[in-house]
Protein backbone atom coordinates (compact mmCIF):
# COMPACT_ATOMS: atom_id res chain seq x y z
CA ALA A 1 112.54 -30.02 -18.37
CA LEU A 2 111.53 -27.88 -15.32
CA LEU A 3 114.75 -25.83 -15.70
CA PHE A 4 113.90 -25.21 -19.35
CA TYR A 5 110.50 -24.15 -18.61
CA TRP A 6 111.63 -21.82 -15.99
CA CYS A 7 114.38 -20.25 -18.05
CA THR A 8 111.91 -19.88 -21.22
CA PHE A 9 109.27 -18.32 -18.98
CA TYR A 10 111.56 -15.81 -17.61
CA ILE A 11 113.15 -14.97 -20.97
CA VAL A 12 109.72 -14.04 -22.11
CA ILE A 13 109.21 -11.68 -19.14
CA TYR A 14 112.56 -10.14 -19.47
CA ARG A 15 111.72 -9.51 -23.22
CA LYS A 16 108.65 -7.77 -22.19
CA PHE A 17 110.42 -5.51 -19.73
CA ALA A 18 113.31 -4.78 -22.16
CA VAL A 19 110.84 -3.44 -24.71
CA ALA A 20 108.77 -1.53 -22.07
CA ARG A 21 105.51 -3.63 -22.70
CA PRO A 22 102.89 -4.27 -20.11
CA ILE A 23 102.59 -7.73 -18.74
CA LEU A 24 99.32 -9.63 -18.56
CA PHE A 25 100.09 -12.83 -16.42
CA VAL A 26 97.75 -15.81 -16.16
CA GLY A 27 98.90 -18.03 -13.34
CA LYS A 28 99.23 -18.35 -9.65
CA LYS A 29 98.43 -14.92 -8.18
CA ASN A 30 100.81 -15.79 -5.03
CA GLY A 31 103.75 -16.75 -7.24
CA GLU A 32 107.07 -15.21 -7.83
CA VAL A 33 105.95 -13.58 -11.04
CA ALA A 34 102.61 -12.28 -9.58
CA ASN A 35 104.52 -10.62 -6.75
CA ILE A 36 107.12 -9.07 -9.09
CA ILE A 37 104.20 -7.56 -11.41
CA GLU A 38 102.27 -6.48 -8.35
CA LYS A 39 105.11 -4.81 -6.54
CA GLN A 40 106.58 -3.16 -9.48
CA ASN A 41 103.26 -2.14 -10.97
CA CYS A 42 104.20 -3.44 -14.43
CA GLY A 43 100.99 -5.14 -15.44
CA TYR A 44 98.00 -7.31 -14.31
CA MET A 45 97.79 -10.63 -12.97
CA VAL A 46 94.85 -13.21 -13.38
CA ALA A 47 94.34 -16.46 -11.87
CA LEU A 48 93.98 -19.50 -13.94
CA GLY A 49 90.32 -20.04 -14.72
CA GLU A 50 89.19 -16.56 -14.12
CA ASP A 51 87.92 -15.93 -17.70
CA GLU A 52 85.78 -12.98 -16.92
CA GLU A 53 88.68 -11.16 -14.94
CA LEU A 54 90.94 -11.93 -17.88
CA ALA A 55 88.51 -10.51 -20.39
CA ALA A 56 88.03 -7.46 -18.05
CA LYS A 57 91.88 -7.02 -17.80
CA ILE A 58 92.23 -7.18 -21.67
CA VAL A 59 89.51 -4.56 -22.06
CA ALA A 60 91.07 -2.21 -19.40
CA MET A 61 94.40 -2.58 -21.07
CA TRP A 62 92.81 -1.71 -24.56
CA LYS A 63 91.02 1.40 -23.16
CA ASP A 64 93.83 2.88 -20.95
CA ASN A 65 96.83 3.21 -23.34
CA GLU A 66 98.57 5.62 -20.71
CA LYS A 67 98.33 3.01 -17.81
CA CYS A 68 99.80 0.35 -20.29
CA LYS A 69 102.67 2.83 -21.09
CA ASN A 70 103.36 3.32 -17.38
CA PHE A 71 103.26 -0.64 -16.82
CA GLY A 72 105.74 -0.95 -19.47
CA LEU A 73 108.04 1.77 -18.19
CA ASN A 74 107.89 0.33 -14.73
CA GLY A 75 109.04 -3.00 -16.20
CA ARG A 76 111.86 -1.46 -18.08
CA LYS A 77 113.09 0.39 -14.94
CA LEU A 78 113.03 -2.83 -12.99
CA LEU A 79 114.85 -4.61 -15.71
CA LYS A 80 117.56 -2.08 -15.65
CA LYS A 81 117.75 -1.85 -11.84
CA SER A 82 117.61 -5.50 -10.90
CA TYR A 83 117.72 -7.89 -13.92
CA ASP A 84 120.61 -6.43 -16.02
CA ARG A 85 123.41 -8.56 -17.44
CA HIS A 86 125.40 -8.64 -14.27
CA HIS A 87 122.42 -9.99 -12.32
CA ALA A 88 121.67 -12.45 -15.01
CA LEU A 89 125.03 -13.77 -15.14
CA GLN A 90 125.08 -14.24 -11.25
CA GLY A 91 121.87 -16.09 -11.47
CA TRP A 92 123.24 -18.38 -14.02
CA ARG A 93 126.38 -18.85 -12.06
CA LYS A 94 124.45 -19.90 -9.11
CA ILE A 95 122.34 -22.58 -11.08
CA LEU A 96 125.37 -23.83 -13.00
CA LEU A 97 127.46 -24.30 -9.86
CA SER A 98 124.81 -25.65 -7.64
CA PRO A 99 125.42 -29.47 -6.77
């Protein structure tokens, strides 16, 4: 079940990157996805339970279309650079061949 969740979650992120959409991630701020979003400047992160911050980020995204466009383009660049088909197949190979 954990592998299914992990794969499904990353498929959602990759799809957002593929169509150059900004990410609004709600979860652990010190996790892998949050680190990617922060380092690559492709969206916002909000910790679980931070309702006011989430609302503020939604409003910020709604008001600043140019920033959202740049977030999306940054995600697209990241996808092409680091998560293309070759990288994805290498990741699956590692998972499937692990003991």
